[in-house]
């Protein structure tokens, strides 16, 4: 289900409020406003506090008076004091602000900083928004991201920014497409059609550019999915390796260890290959992540830097591939920053 897209600079509490009340945001945009709160008929607390203090002071002063009507004034002051204390005890706290009033206030304050899926996107733009949000949600909720094998901090900043930029461009595309269709709805002369051809090409080029961004996010999510599968398989292999001593003990007692030791040795080799496959998957995800940042800027007065990524094509993102990049040697401190796996050798592994 599509959610409200909010500018990443909006405070998180307000952004969450917008996402939870999309239908009410639509009503506010259409001109609806909540009922004004009823006037507060209770006495203000400051007035009650001051009145109670005055009554208490009056009572203390009256105790030192020596007059014929001392008893009468004393009882009158005591009555006033009791009344004010009763009002203070019965005073209720102020009513909290309702969700409707808070949402209305925040929606007016951050107008233009949120986009509604049911109103701001046409059908084609809505489909691309679906793909964008699904890819981002999968990446942010993945185990490899939560375990720090990806750059989770950078993901939490960059991916919402990508979602907002893509949604903002899709909104502009939707508006221009609707205006264009309304303009040509009644037909047009050949001269008008020729004049509109460059505008149609501009729309098509802009749509292709936004689509390229969405596909880059989907490629990144695909690499993350590969790493997720490798991580699950790695966990299963580790669970099997933990059971090996029990199987070896059983084989030794039964006298069949001569025939089964090679098979168990292959299991350990498979675990090593799987660890490398997991590293390759995470490395591929990192390369796809770098592609989202765009090509590096050329230094002033110098030649542009040469491509150094894996299989960097002249017009496309790095090739996913099935193996590591050309320079796959790495030290125990992995260049991508994810933690080493159990059983990693201290020296560099042999080149594959």
C-alpha atoms as a PDB file:
ATOM      1  CA  UNK A   1       0.000   0.000   0.000  1.00  0.00           C
ATOM      2  CA  UNK A   2       1.366   3.399  -0.964  1.00  0.00           C
ATOM      3  CA  UNK A   3       2.206   5.736   1.869  1.00  0.00           C
ATOM      4  CA  UNK A   4       2.383   9.502   2.127  1.00  0.00           C
ATOM      5  CA  UNK A   5       5.803  10.726   0.965  1.00  0.00           C
ATOM      6  CA  UNK A   6       7.276  13.313   3.335  1.00  0.00           C
ATOM      7  CA  UNK A   7      10.273  15.589   2.921  1.00  0.00           C
ATOM      8  CA  UNK A   8      13.116  14.068   5.013  1.00  0.00           C
ATOM      9  CA  UNK A   9      13.684  17.463   6.661  1.00  0.00           C
ATOM     10  CA  UNK A  10      10.238  17.346   8.307  1.00  0.00           C
ATOM     11  CA  UNK A  11      10.545  16.229  11.977  1.00  0.00           C
ATOM     12  CA  UNK A  12      10.073  12.444  12.359  1.00  0.00           C
ATOM     13  CA  UNK A  13       7.078  12.775  14.705  1.00  0.00           C
ATOM     14  CA  UNK A  14       5.241  15.011  12.226  1.00  0.00           C
ATOM     15  CA  UNK A  15       6.169  12.756   9.293  1.00  0.00           C
ATOM     16  CA  UNK A  16       4.773   9.729  11.135  1.00  0.00           C
ATOM     17  CA  UNK A  17       1.594  11.706  11.903  1.00  0.00           C
ATOM     18  CA  UNK A  18       1.174  12.482   8.191  1.00  0.00           C
ATOM     19  CA  UNK A  19       1.693   8.843   7.155  1.00  0.00           C
ATOM     20  CA  UNK A  20      -0.884   7.577   9.661  1.00  0.00           C
ATOM     21  CA  UNK A  21      -3.606  10.031   8.597  1.00  0.00           C
ATOM     22  CA  UNK A  22      -3.455  10.228   4.807  1.00  0.00           C
ATOM     23  CA  UNK A  23      -7.238  10.445   4.388  1.00  0.00           C
ATOM     24  CA  UNK A  24      -7.504  13.348   6.837  1.00  0.00           C
ATOM     25  CA  UNK A  25      -4.695  15.147   4.988  1.00  0.00           C
ATOM     26  CA  UNK A  26      -6.752  14.837   1.801  1.00  0.00           C
ATOM     27  CA  UNK A  27      -9.726  16.446   3.557  1.00  0.00           C
ATOM     28  CA  UNK A  28      -7.554  19.262   4.889  1.00  0.00           C
ATOM     29  CA  UNK A  29      -6.183  19.924   1.413  1.00  0.00           C
ATOM     30  CA  UNK A  30      -9.762  20.029   0.088  1.00  0.00           C
ATOM     31  CA  UNK A  31     -10.634  22.803   2.550  1.00  0.00           C
ATOM     32  CA  UNK A  32     -11.847  20.943   5.631  1.00  0.00           C
ATOM     33  CA  UNK A  33     -10.947  22.320   9.047  1.00  0.00           C
ATOM     34  CA  UNK A  34     -11.700  20.864  12.494  1.00  0.00           C
ATOM     35  CA  UNK A  35     -14.249  22.353  14.841  1.00  0.00           C
ATOM     36  CA  UNK A  36     -12.746  25.067  17.064  1.00  0.00           C
ATOM     37  CA  UNK A  37     -12.195  23.931  20.662  1.00  0.00           C
ATOM     38  CA  UNK A  38     -14.896  25.023  23.161  1.00  0.00           C
ATOM     39  CA  UNK A  39     -14.007  28.005  25.351  1.00  0.00           C
ATOM     40  CA  UNK A  40     -12.542  27.121  28.727  1.00  0.00           C
ATOM     41  CA  UNK A  41     -15.169  28.049  31.354  1.00  0.00           C
ATOM     42  CA  UNK A  42     -13.010  27.050  34.322  1.00  0.00           C
ATOM     43  CA  UNK A  43     -11.263  29.661  36.406  1.00  0.00           C
ATOM     44  CA  UNK A  44      -7.603  30.037  35.483  1.00  0.00           C
ATOM     45  CA  UNK A  45      -5.200  28.382  37.879  1.00  0.00           C
ATOM     46  CA  UNK A  46      -3.219  31.558  38.541  1.00  0.00           C
ATOM     47  CA  UNK A  47      -6.357  33.357  39.743  1.00  0.00           C
ATOM     48  CA  UNK A  48      -7.181  30.499  42.101  1.00  0.00           C
ATOM     49  CA  UNK A  49      -3.667  30.411  43.499  1.00  0.00           C
ATOM     50  CA  UNK A  50      -3.595  34.149  44.160  1.00  0.00           C
ATOM     51  CA  UNK A  51      -7.061  34.085  45.741  1.00  0.00           C
ATOM     52  CA  UNK A  52      -6.152  31.230  48.054  1.00  0.00           C
ATOM     53  CA  UNK A  53      -2.979  33.018  49.131  1.00  0.00           C
ATOM     54  CA  UNK A  54      -4.849  36.239  49.898  1.00  0.00           C
ATOM     55  CA  UNK A  55      -7.449  34.361  51.964  1.00  0.00           C
ATOM     56  CA  UNK A  56      -4.745  32.591  53.954  1.00  0.00           C
ATOM     57  CA  UNK A  57      -2.926  35.871  54.613  1.00  0.00           C
ATOM     58  CA  UNK A  58      -6.177  37.501  55.696  1.00  0.00           C
ATOM     59  CA  UNK A  59      -6.818  34.653  58.124  1.00  0.00           C
ATOM     60  CA  UNK A  60      -3.359  34.950  59.689  1.00  0.00           C
ATOM     61  CA  UNK A  61      -3.729  38.713  60.141  1.00  0.00           C
ATOM     62  CA  UNK A  62      -7.166  38.307  61.649  1.00  0.00           C
ATOM     63  CA  UNK A  63      -5.837  35.981  64.316  1.00  0.00           C
ATOM     64  CA  UNK A  64      -3.786  38.851  65.748  1.00  0.00           C
ATOM     65  CA  UNK A  65      -6.660  41.291  65.911  1.00  0.00           C
ATOM     66  CA  UNK A  66      -8.291  41.956  69.248  1.00  0.00           C
ATOM     67  CA  UNK A  67     -11.713  43.319  68.548  1.00  0.00           C
ATOM     68  CA  UNK A  68     -15.284  42.649  69.439  1.00  0.00           C
ATOM     69  CA  UNK A  69     -16.093  41.172  66.034  1.00  0.00           C
ATOM     70  CA  UNK A  70     -13.026  38.972  65.962  1.00  0.00           C
ATOM     71  CA  UNK A  71     -14.976  35.728  65.898  1.00  0.00           C
ATOM     72  CA  UNK A  72     -17.232  36.897  63.068  1.00  0.00           C
ATOM     73  CA  UNK A  73     -14.341  37.967  60.853  1.00  0.00           C
ATOM     74  CA  UNK A  74     -12.462  34.801  61.692  1.00  0.00           C
ATOM     75  CA  UNK A  75     -15.310  32.586  60.504  1.00  0.00           C
ATOM     76  CA  UNK A  76     -15.796  34.675  57.358  1.00  0.00           C
ATOM     77  CA  UNK A  77     -12.132  34.389  56.462  1.00  0.00           C
ATOM     78  CA  UNK A  78     -12.184  30.674  57.175  1.00  0.00           C
ATOM     79  CA  UNK A  79     -15.159  30.254  54.848  1.00  0.00           C
ATOM     80  CA  UNK A  80     -13.413  32.132  52.034  1.00  0.00           C
ATOM     81  CA  UNK A  81     -10.293  30.051  52.525  1.00  0.00           C
ATOM     82  CA  UNK A  82     -12.235  26.764  52.378  1.00  0.00           C
ATOM     83  CA  UNK A  83     -14.015  27.861  49.179  1.00  0.00           C
ATOM     84  CA  UNK A  84     -10.759  28.667  47.411  1.00  0.00           C
ATOM     85  CA  UNK A  85      -9.136  25.436  48.540  1.00  0.00           C
ATOM     86  CA  UNK A  86     -12.140  23.501  47.229  1.00  0.00           C
ATOM     87  CA  UNK A  87     -11.890  25.231  43.867  1.00  0.00           C
ATOM     88  CA  UNK A  88      -8.201  24.407  43.649  1.00  0.00           C
ATOM     89  CA  UNK A  89      -8.830  20.761  44.512  1.00  0.00           C
ATOM     90  CA  UNK A  90     -11.640  20.452  41.957  1.00  0.00           C
ATOM     91  CA  UNK A  91      -9.732  22.185  39.164  1.00  0.00           C
ATOM     92  CA  UNK A  92      -9.256  19.782  36.198  1.00  0.00           C
ATOM     93  CA  UNK A  93      -6.214  19.827  33.946  1.00  0.00           C
ATOM     94  CA  UNK A  94      -6.512  21.469  30.535  1.00  0.00           C
ATOM     95  CA  UNK A  95      -7.748  19.203  27.759  1.00  0.00           C
ATOM     96  CA  UNK A  96      -4.967  17.967  25.438  1.00  0.00           C
ATOM     97  CA  UNK A  97      -4.928  18.987  21.791  1.00  0.00           C
ATOM     98  CA  UNK A  98      -6.886  16.571  19.594  1.00  0.00           C
ATOM     99  CA  UNK A  99      -5.348  14.686  16.678  1.00  0.00           C
ATOM    100  CA  UNK A 100      -7.478  16.670  14.224  1.00  0.00           C
ATOM    101  CA  UNK A 101      -6.258  20.034  15.510  1.00  0.00           C
ATOM    102  CA  UNK A 102      -2.622  18.903  15.683  1.00  0.00           C
ATOM    103  CA  UNK A 103      -2.728  17.450  12.168  1.00  0.00           C
ATOM    104  CA  UNK A 104      -4.425  20.567  10.796  1.00  0.00           C
ATOM    105  CA  UNK A 105      -1.799  22.815  12.385  1.00  0.00           C
ATOM    106  CA  UNK A 106       1.142  20.704  11.150  1.00  0.00           C
ATOM    107  CA  UNK A 107      -0.333  20.307   7.646  1.00  0.00           C
ATOM    108  CA  UNK A 108      -0.653  24.087   7.303  1.00  0.00           C
ATOM    109  CA  UNK A 109       2.843  24.649   8.631  1.00  0.00           C
ATOM    110  CA  UNK A 110       4.474  22.044   6.344  1.00  0.00           C
ATOM    111  CA  UNK A 111       2.292  22.648   3.310  1.00  0.00           C
ATOM    112  CA  UNK A 112       4.092  21.500   0.163  1.00  0.00           C
ATOM    113  CA  UNK A 113       6.421  19.223   2.144  1.00  0.00           C
ATOM    114  CA  UNK A 114       4.295  16.090   1.767  1.00  0.00           C
ATOM    115  CA  UNK A 115       2.742  14.280  -1.222  1.00  0.00           C
ATOM    116  CA  UNK A 116      -0.467  12.242  -1.169  1.00  0.00           C
ATOM    117  CA  UNK A 117      -0.482   8.998  -3.222  1.00  0.00           C
ATOM    118  CA  UNK A 118      -4.175   9.251  -4.109  1.00  0.00           C
ATOM    119  CA  UNK A 119      -4.027  12.828  -5.396  1.00  0.00           C
ATOM    120  CA  UNK A 120      -0.537  13.826  -6.518  1.00  0.00           C
ATOM    121  CA  UNK A 121       0.289  10.923  -8.861  1.00  0.00           C
ATOM    122  CA  UNK A 122      -1.336   9.632 -12.033  1.00  0.00           C
ATOM    123  CA  UNK A 123      -1.503   5.904 -12.790  1.00  0.00           C
ATOM    124  CA  UNK A 124       1.965   5.554 -14.360  1.00  0.00           C
ATOM    125  CA  UNK A 125       3.596   7.666 -11.661  1.00  0.00           C
ATOM    126  CA  UNK A 126       1.801   5.663  -8.973  1.00  0.00           C
ATOM    127  CA  UNK A 127       3.233   2.432 -10.378  1.00  0.00           C
ATOM    128  CA  UNK A 128       6.769   3.831 -10.213  1.00  0.00           C
ATOM    129  CA  UNK A 129       6.143   5.097  -6.683  1.00  0.00           C
ATOM    130  CA  UNK A 130       5.057   1.581  -5.669  1.00  0.00           C
ATOM    131  CA  UNK A 131       8.279   0.105  -7.027  1.00  0.00           C
ATOM    132  CA  UNK A 132      10.366   2.770  -5.299  1.00  0.00           C
ATOM    133  CA  UNK A 133       8.792   2.256  -1.888  1.00  0.00           C
ATOM    134  CA  UNK A 134       8.930  -1.537  -2.131  1.00  0.00           C
ATOM    135  CA  UNK A 135      12.660  -1.476  -2.951  1.00  0.00           C
ATOM    136  CA  UNK A 136      13.460   0.973  -0.148  1.00  0.00           C
ATOM    137  CA  UNK A 137      11.375  -0.922   2.409  1.00  0.00           C
ATOM    138  CA  UNK A 138      13.096  -4.214   1.540  1.00  0.00           C
ATOM    139  CA  UNK A 139      16.571  -2.698   1.925  1.00  0.00           C
ATOM    140  CA  UNK A 140      15.868  -0.964   5.232  1.00  0.00           C
ATOM    141  CA  UNK A 141      14.170  -4.042   6.753  1.00  0.00           C
ATOM    142  CA  UNK A 142      16.788  -6.558   5.627  1.00  0.00           C
ATOM    143  CA  UNK A 143      18.914  -8.468   8.132  1.00  0.00           C
ATOM    144  CA  UNK A 144      22.165  -7.569   6.398  1.00  0.00           C
ATOM    145  CA  UNK A 145      21.297  -3.889   6.843  1.00  0.00           C
ATOM    146  CA  UNK A 146      20.324  -4.352  10.507  1.00  0.00           C
ATOM    147  CA  UNK A 147      23.549  -6.295  11.194  1.00  0.00           C
ATOM    148  CA  UNK A 148      25.715  -3.516   9.760  1.00  0.00           C
ATOM    149  CA  UNK A 149      26.941  -5.445   6.715  1.00  0.00           C
ATOM    150  CA  UNK A 150      25.646  -2.547   4.622  1.00  0.00           C
ATOM    151  CA  UNK A 151      26.120   1.124   5.412  1.00  0.00           C
ATOM    152  CA  UNK A 152      22.964   1.247   7.544  1.00  0.00           C
ATOM    153  CA  UNK A 153      23.507   4.831   8.723  1.00  0.00           C
ATOM    154  CA  UNK A 154      23.938   6.092   5.188  1.00  0.00           C
ATOM    155  CA  UNK A 155      20.981   4.017   4.007  1.00  0.00           C
ATOM    156  CA  UNK A 156      18.716   5.627   6.608  1.00  0.00           C
ATOM    157  CA  UNK A 157      19.643   9.074   5.265  1.00  0.00           C
ATOM    158  CA  UNK A 158      20.092   8.493   1.541  1.00  0.00           C
ATOM    159  CA  UNK A 159      17.123   6.217   0.811  1.00  0.00           C
ATOM    160  CA  UNK A 160      14.383   8.518   2.243  1.00  0.00           C
ATOM    161  CA  UNK A 161      15.994  11.370   0.316  1.00  0.00           C
ATOM    162  CA  UNK A 162      15.846   9.291  -2.879  1.00  0.00           C
ATOM    163  CA  UNK A 163      12.187   8.468  -2.204  1.00  0.00           C
ATOM    164  CA  UNK A 164      11.324  12.161  -1.781  1.00  0.00           C
ATOM    165  CA  UNK A 165      13.209  13.260  -4.904  1.00  0.00           C
ATOM    166  CA  UNK A 166      11.663  10.522  -7.049  1.00  0.00           C
ATOM    167  CA  UNK A 167       8.171  11.282  -5.705  1.00  0.00           C
ATOM    168  CA  UNK A 168       8.634  15.011  -6.300  1.00  0.00           C
ATOM    169  CA  UNK A 169       9.674  14.413  -9.923  1.00  0.00           C
ATOM    170  CA  UNK A 170       6.789  11.977 -10.443  1.00  0.00           C
ATOM    171  CA  UNK A 171       4.351  14.615  -9.178  1.00  0.00           C
ATOM    172  CA  UNK A 172       5.646  17.140 -11.708  1.00  0.00           C
ATOM    173  CA  UNK A 173       5.451  14.531 -14.464  1.00  0.00           C
ATOM    174  CA  UNK A 174       1.860  13.703 -13.511  1.00  0.00           C
ATOM    175  CA  UNK A 175       0.822  17.363 -13.576  1.00  0.00           C
ATOM    176  CA  UNK A 176       2.450  18.053 -16.951  1.00  0.00           C
ATOM    177  CA  UNK A 177       1.036  14.859 -18.476  1.00  0.00           C
ATOM    178  CA  UNK A 178      -2.487  15.745 -17.355  1.00  0.00           C
ATOM    179  CA  UNK A 179      -2.166  19.268 -18.736  1.00  0.00           C
ATOM    180  CA  UNK A 180      -0.796  17.900 -22.004  1.00  0.00           C
ATOM    181  CA  UNK A 181      -3.640  15.394 -22.396  1.00  0.00           C
ATOM    182  CA  UNK A 182      -6.254  18.042 -21.664  1.00  0.00           C
ATOM    183  CA  UNK A 183      -4.686  20.351 -24.231  1.00  0.00           C
ATOM    184  CA  UNK A 184      -4.740  17.800 -27.055  1.00  0.00           C
ATOM    185  CA  UNK A 185      -8.044  16.197 -26.034  1.00  0.00           C
ATOM    186  CA  UNK A 186     -10.129  18.104 -28.582  1.00  0.00           C
ATOM    187  CA  UNK A 187      -7.699  17.485 -31.418  1.00  0.00           C
ATOM    188  CA  UNK A 188      -5.045  19.743 -32.890  1.00  0.00           C
ATOM    189  CA  UNK A 189      -3.874  20.973 -36.260  1.00  0.00           C
ATOM    190  CA  UNK A 190      -0.669  19.649 -37.828  1.00  0.00           C
ATOM    191  CA  UNK A 191       1.077  22.911 -36.970  1.00  0.00           C
ATOM    192  CA  UNK A 192       0.160  22.612 -33.289  1.00  0.00           C
ATOM    193  CA  UNK A 193       1.153  18.939 -33.254  1.00  0.00           C
ATOM    194  CA  UNK A 194       4.558  19.835 -34.695  1.00  0.00           C
ATOM    195  CA  UNK A 195       5.010  22.542 -32.062  1.00  0.00           C
ATOM    196  CA  UNK A 196       4.109  20.119 -29.285  1.00  0.00           C
ATOM    197  CA  UNK A 197       6.472  17.366 -30.435  1.00  0.00           C
ATOM    198  CA  UNK A 198       9.482  18.777 -28.491  1.00  0.00           C
ATOM    199  CA  UNK A 199       7.337  18.973 -25.352  1.00  0.00           C
ATOM    200  CA  UNK A 200       6.352  15.329 -25.715  1.00  0.00           C
ATOM    201  CA  UNK A 201       9.993  14.358 -26.171  1.00  0.00           C
ATOM    202  CA  UNK A 202      10.891  16.310 -23.016  1.00  0.00           C
ATOM    203  CA  UNK A 203       8.217  14.432 -21.072  1.00  0.00           C
ATOM    204  CA  UNK A 204       9.470  11.091 -22.390  1.00  0.00           C
ATOM    205  CA  UNK A 205      13.097  11.932 -21.560  1.00  0.00           C
ATOM    206  CA  UNK A 206      12.190  13.025 -18.028  1.00  0.00           C
ATOM    207  CA  UNK A 207      10.162   9.872 -17.467  1.00  0.00           C
ATOM    208  CA  UNK A 208      13.085   7.743 -18.664  1.00  0.00           C
ATOM    209  CA  UNK A 209      15.434   9.531 -16.246  1.00  0.00           C
ATOM    210  CA  UNK A 210      13.111   8.905 -13.294  1.00  0.00           C
ATOM    211  CA  UNK A 211      12.676   5.285 -14.379  1.00  0.00           C
ATOM    212  CA  UNK A 212      16.473   4.884 -14.370  1.00  0.00           C
ATOM    213  CA  UNK A 213      16.554   6.021 -10.735  1.00  0.00           C
ATOM    214  CA  UNK A 214      13.846   3.547  -9.783  1.00  0.00           C
ATOM    215  CA  UNK A 215      15.634   0.701 -11.568  1.00  0.00           C
ATOM    216  CA  UNK A 216      18.887   1.589  -9.781  1.00  0.00           C
ATOM    217  CA  UNK A 217      17.089   1.239  -6.441  1.00  0.00           C
ATOM    218  CA  UNK A 218      15.631  -2.090  -7.567  1.00  0.00           C
ATOM    219  CA  UNK A 219      19.097  -3.341  -8.550  1.00  0.00           C
ATOM    220  CA  UNK A 220      20.369  -2.359  -5.134  1.00  0.00           C
ATOM    221  CA  UNK A 221      17.457  -4.225  -3.523  1.00  0.00           C
ATOM    222  CA  UNK A 222      18.269  -7.233  -5.737  1.00  0.00           C
ATOM    223  CA  UNK A 223      21.862  -7.329  -4.477  1.00  0.00           C
ATOM    224  CA  UNK A 224      20.587  -7.043  -0.916  1.00  0.00           C
ATOM    225  CA  UNK A 225      18.248  -9.986  -1.593  1.00  0.00           C
ATOM    226  CA  UNK A 226      21.250 -12.033  -2.786  1.00  0.00           C
ATOM    227  CA  UNK A 227      23.089 -11.160   0.416  1.00  0.00           C
ATOM    228  CA  UNK A 228      20.016 -12.121   2.461  1.00  0.00           C
ATOM    229  CA  UNK A 229      19.882 -15.561   0.810  1.00  0.00           C
ATOM    230  CA  UNK A 230      23.602 -16.067   1.346  1.00  0.00           C
ATOM    231  CA  UNK A 231      23.255 -15.027   4.985  1.00  0.00           C
ATOM    232  CA  UNK A 232      20.427 -17.509   5.563  1.00  0.00           C
ATOM    233  CA  UNK A 233      22.447 -20.285   3.958  1.00  0.00           C
ATOM    234  CA  UNK A 234      25.496 -19.253   5.996  1.00  0.00           C
ATOM    235  CA  UNK A 235      23.478 -19.524   9.224  1.00  0.00           C
ATOM    236  CA  UNK A 236      22.222 -22.977   8.233  1.00  0.00           C
ATOM    237  CA  UNK A 237      25.727 -24.191   7.392  1.00  0.00           C
ATOM    238  CA  UNK A 238      27.022 -22.861  10.713  1.00  0.00           C
ATOM    239  CA  UNK A 239      24.257 -24.762  12.505  1.00  0.00           C
ATOM    240  CA  UNK A 240      25.311 -27.936  10.688  1.00  0.00           C
ATOM    241  CA  UNK A 241      28.968 -27.359  11.549  1.00  0.00           C
ATOM    242  CA  UNK A 242      28.031 -27.074  15.223  1.00  0.00           C
ATOM    243  CA  UNK A 243      26.555 -30.579  15.005  1.00  0.00           C
ATOM    244  CA  UNK A 244      29.627 -32.134  13.345  1.00  0.00           C
ATOM    245  CA  UNK A 245      31.262 -33.407  16.563  1.00  0.00           C
ATOM    246  CA  UNK A 246      28.196 -35.478  17.391  1.00  0.00           C
ATOM    247  CA  UNK A 247      28.196 -37.056  13.924  1.00  0.00           C
ATOM    248  CA  UNK A 248      31.946 -37.694  14.077  1.00  0.00           C
ATOM    249  CA  UNK A 249      31.558 -39.345  17.478  1.00  0.00           C
ATOM    250  CA  UNK A 250      28.787 -41.570  16.148  1.00  0.00           C
ATOM    251  CA  UNK A 251      30.857 -42.540  13.097  1.00  0.00           C
ATOM    252  CA  UNK A 252      33.909 -43.302  15.224  1.00  0.00           C
ATOM    253  CA  UNK A 253      31.884 -45.546  17.514  1.00  0.00           C
ATOM    254  CA  UNK A 254      30.255 -47.329  14.592  1.00  0.00           C
ATOM    255  CA  UNK A 255      33.522 -47.832  12.687  1.00  0.00           C
ATOM    256  CA  UNK A 256      32.252 -46.080   9.545  1.00  0.00           C
ATOM    257  CA  UNK A 257      34.341 -42.919   9.883  1.00  0.00           C
ATOM    258  CA  UNK A 258      36.730 -44.006   7.105  1.00  0.00           C
ATOM    259  CA  UNK A 259      33.971 -43.638   4.535  1.00  0.00           C
ATOM    260  CA  UNK A 260      32.239 -40.539   5.935  1.00  0.00           C
ATOM    261  CA  UNK A 261      35.163 -38.255   6.797  1.00  0.00           C
ATOM    262  CA  UNK A 262      35.545 -36.979   3.191  1.00  0.00           C
ATOM    263  CA  UNK A 263      31.849 -36.069   3.046  1.00  0.00           C
ATOM    264  CA  UNK A 264      32.102 -34.158   6.329  1.00  0.00           C
ATOM    265  CA  UNK A 265      35.210 -32.414   5.043  1.00  0.00           C
ATOM    266  CA  UNK A 266      33.246 -31.281   2.001  1.00  0.00           C
ATOM    267  CA  UNK A 267      30.665 -29.750   4.336  1.00  0.00           C
ATOM    268  CA  UNK A 268      33.377 -27.600   5.902  1.00  0.00           C
ATOM    269  CA  UNK A 269      34.584 -26.581   2.434  1.00  0.00           C
ATOM    270  CA  UNK A 270      31.034 -25.637   1.465  1.00  0.00           C
ATOM    271  CA  UNK A 271      30.841 -23.406   4.533  1.00  0.00           C
ATOM    272  CA  UNK A 272      34.005 -21.620   3.448  1.00  0.00           C
ATOM    273  CA  UNK A 273      32.670 -21.125  -0.089  1.00  0.00           C
ATOM    274  CA  UNK A 274      29.408 -19.822   1.341  1.00  0.00           C
ATOM    275  CA  UNK A 275      31.206 -17.254   3.476  1.00  0.00           C
ATOM    276  CA  UNK A 276      32.940 -15.976   0.352  1.00  0.00           C
ATOM    277  CA  UNK A 277      29.627 -15.914  -1.529  1.00  0.00           C
ATOM    278  CA  UNK A 278      28.118 -13.837   1.268  1.00  0.00           C
ATOM    279  CA  UNK A 279      30.999 -11.390   1.076  1.00  0.00           C
ATOM    280  CA  UNK A 280      30.606 -11.176  -2.704  1.00  0.00           C
ATOM    281  CA  UNK A 281      26.873 -10.479  -2.357  1.00  0.00           C
ATOM    282  CA  UNK A 282      27.440  -7.707   0.177  1.00  0.00           C
ATOM    283  CA  UNK A 283      30.214  -6.252  -1.975  1.00  0.00           C
ATOM    284  CA  UNK A 284      27.876  -6.198  -4.979  1.00  0.00           C
ATOM    285  CA  UNK A 285      25.261  -4.396  -2.881  1.00  0.00           C
ATOM    286  CA  UNK A 286      27.848  -1.790  -1.946  1.00  0.00           C
ATOM    287  CA  UNK A 287      28.717  -1.252  -5.603  1.00  0.00           C
ATOM    288  CA  UNK A 288      25.032  -0.768  -6.452  1.00  0.00           C
ATOM    289  CA  UNK A 289      24.780   1.688  -3.556  1.00  0.00           C
ATOM    290  CA  UNK A 290      27.661   3.727  -4.968  1.00  0.00           C
ATOM    291  CA  UNK A 291      25.928   3.902  -8.330  1.00  0.00           C
ATOM    292  CA  UNK A 292      23.007   5.745  -6.721  1.00  0.00           C
ATOM    293  CA  UNK A 293      25.373   8.589  -5.819  1.00  0.00           C
ATOM    294  CA  UNK A 294      26.124   9.232  -9.495  1.00  0.00           C
ATOM    295  CA  UNK A 295      29.544   9.511 -11.186  1.00  0.00           C
ATOM    296  CA  UNK A 296      32.321  11.349  -9.306  1.00  0.00           C
ATOM    297  CA  UNK A 297      32.842  14.966 -10.291  1.00  0.00           C
ATOM    298  CA  UNK A 298      35.947  15.789 -12.352  1.00  0.00           C
ATOM    299  CA  UNK A 299      38.606  17.811 -10.457  1.00  0.00           C
ATOM    300  CA  UNK A 300      38.878  21.434 -11.627  1.00  0.00           C
ATOM    301  CA  UNK A 301      41.481  21.854 -14.326  1.00  0.00           C
ATOM    302  CA  UNK A 302      42.133  18.150 -14.638  1.00  0.00           C
ATOM    303  CA  UNK A 303      40.939  15.122 -16.554  1.00  0.00           C
ATOM    304  CA  UNK A 304      37.918  13.183 -15.266  1.00  0.00           C
ATOM    305  CA  UNK A 305      38.726  10.187 -13.082  1.00  0.00           C
ATOM    306  CA  UNK A 306      38.711   6.801 -14.727  1.00  0.00           C
ATOM    307  CA  UNK A 307      36.070   4.258 -13.783  1.00  0.00           C
ATOM    308  CA  UNK A 308      37.356   1.915 -11.132  1.00  0.00           C
ATOM    309  CA  UNK A 309      34.199   0.040 -10.187  1.00  0.00           C
ATOM    310  CA  UNK A 310      33.435  -3.516 -11.229  1.00  0.00           C
ATOM    311  CA  UNK A 311      32.401  -3.834 -14.869  1.00  0.00           C
ATOM    312  CA  UNK A 312      31.489  -0.153 -15.104  1.00  0.00           C
ATOM    313  CA  UNK A 313      29.829   0.287 -18.482  1.00  0.00           C
ATOM    314  CA  UNK A 314      29.842   3.585 -20.362  1.00  0.00           C
ATOM    315  CA  UNK A 315      26.085   4.084 -20.056  1.00  0.00           C
ATOM    316  CA  UNK A 316      24.909   1.943 -17.172  1.00  0.00           C
ATOM    317  CA  UNK A 317      25.438   0.833 -13.593  1.00  0.00           C
ATOM    318  CA  UNK A 318      28.006  -1.726 -12.530  1.00  0.00           C
ATOM    319  CA  UNK A 319      27.281  -5.253 -13.667  1.00  0.00           C
ATOM    320  CA  UNK A 320      25.922  -7.400 -10.883  1.00  0.00           C
ATOM    321  CA  UNK A 321      27.737 -10.524 -11.916  1.00  0.00           C
ATOM    322  CA  UNK A 322      28.142 -13.664  -9.885  1.00  0.00           C
ATOM    323  CA  UNK A 323      31.569 -13.125  -8.390  1.00  0.00           C
ATOM    324  CA  UNK A 324      33.744 -10.494  -6.723  1.00  0.00           C
ATOM    325  CA  UNK A 325      35.305  -7.536  -8.558  1.00  0.00           C
ATOM    326  CA  UNK A 326      38.521  -7.916 -10.481  1.00  0.00           C
ATOM    327  CA  UNK A 327      40.605  -6.943  -7.461  1.00  0.00           C
ATOM    328  CA  UNK A 328      39.105  -9.322  -4.911  1.00  0.00           C
ATOM    329  CA  UNK A 329      42.017  -9.502  -2.486  1.00  0.00           C
ATOM    330  CA  UNK A 330      41.141  -8.124   0.914  1.00  0.00           C
ATOM    331  CA  UNK A 331      42.617  -7.922   4.364  1.00  0.00           C
ATOM    332  CA  UNK A 332      40.982  -9.224   7.545  1.00  0.00           C
ATOM    333  CA  UNK A 333      39.648  -5.688   8.066  1.00  0.00           C
ATOM    334  CA  UNK A 334      37.122  -5.695   5.233  1.00  0.00           C
ATOM    335  CA  UNK A 335      37.149  -2.522   3.073  1.00  0.00           C
ATOM    336  CA  UNK A 336      33.352  -2.343   3.270  1.00  0.00           C
ATOM    337  CA  UNK A 337      33.258  -2.372   7.063  1.00  0.00           C
ATOM    338  CA  UNK A 338      31.105  -5.414   7.799  1.00  0.00           C
ATOM    339  CA  UNK A 339      32.270  -7.691  10.630  1.00  0.00           C
ATOM    340  CA  UNK A 340      34.478 -10.718   9.871  1.00  0.00           C
ATOM    341  CA  UNK A 341      32.892 -14.133   9.827  1.00  0.00           C
ATOM    342  CA  UNK A 342      33.932 -16.943  12.143  1.00  0.00           C
ATOM    343  CA  UNK A 343      36.910 -18.847  10.827  1.00  0.00           C
ATOM    344  CA  UNK A 344      38.334 -16.042   8.676  1.00  0.00           C
ATOM    345  CA  UNK A 345      42.097 -16.582   8.124  1.00  0.00           C
ATOM    346  CA  UNK A 346      44.508 -13.955   9.407  1.00  0.00           C
ATOM    347  CA  UNK A 347      46.275 -13.735   6.057  1.00  0.00           C
ATOM    348  CA  UNK A 348      44.911 -12.849   2.643  1.00  0.00           C
ATOM    349  CA  UNK A 349      42.972 -15.625   0.942  1.00  0.00           C
ATOM    350  CA  UNK A 350      44.283 -16.935  -2.352  1.00  0.00           C
ATOM    351  CA  UNK A 351      42.973 -15.243  -5.468  1.00  0.00           C
ATOM    352  CA  UNK A 352      39.987 -17.016  -6.970  1.00  0.00           C
END
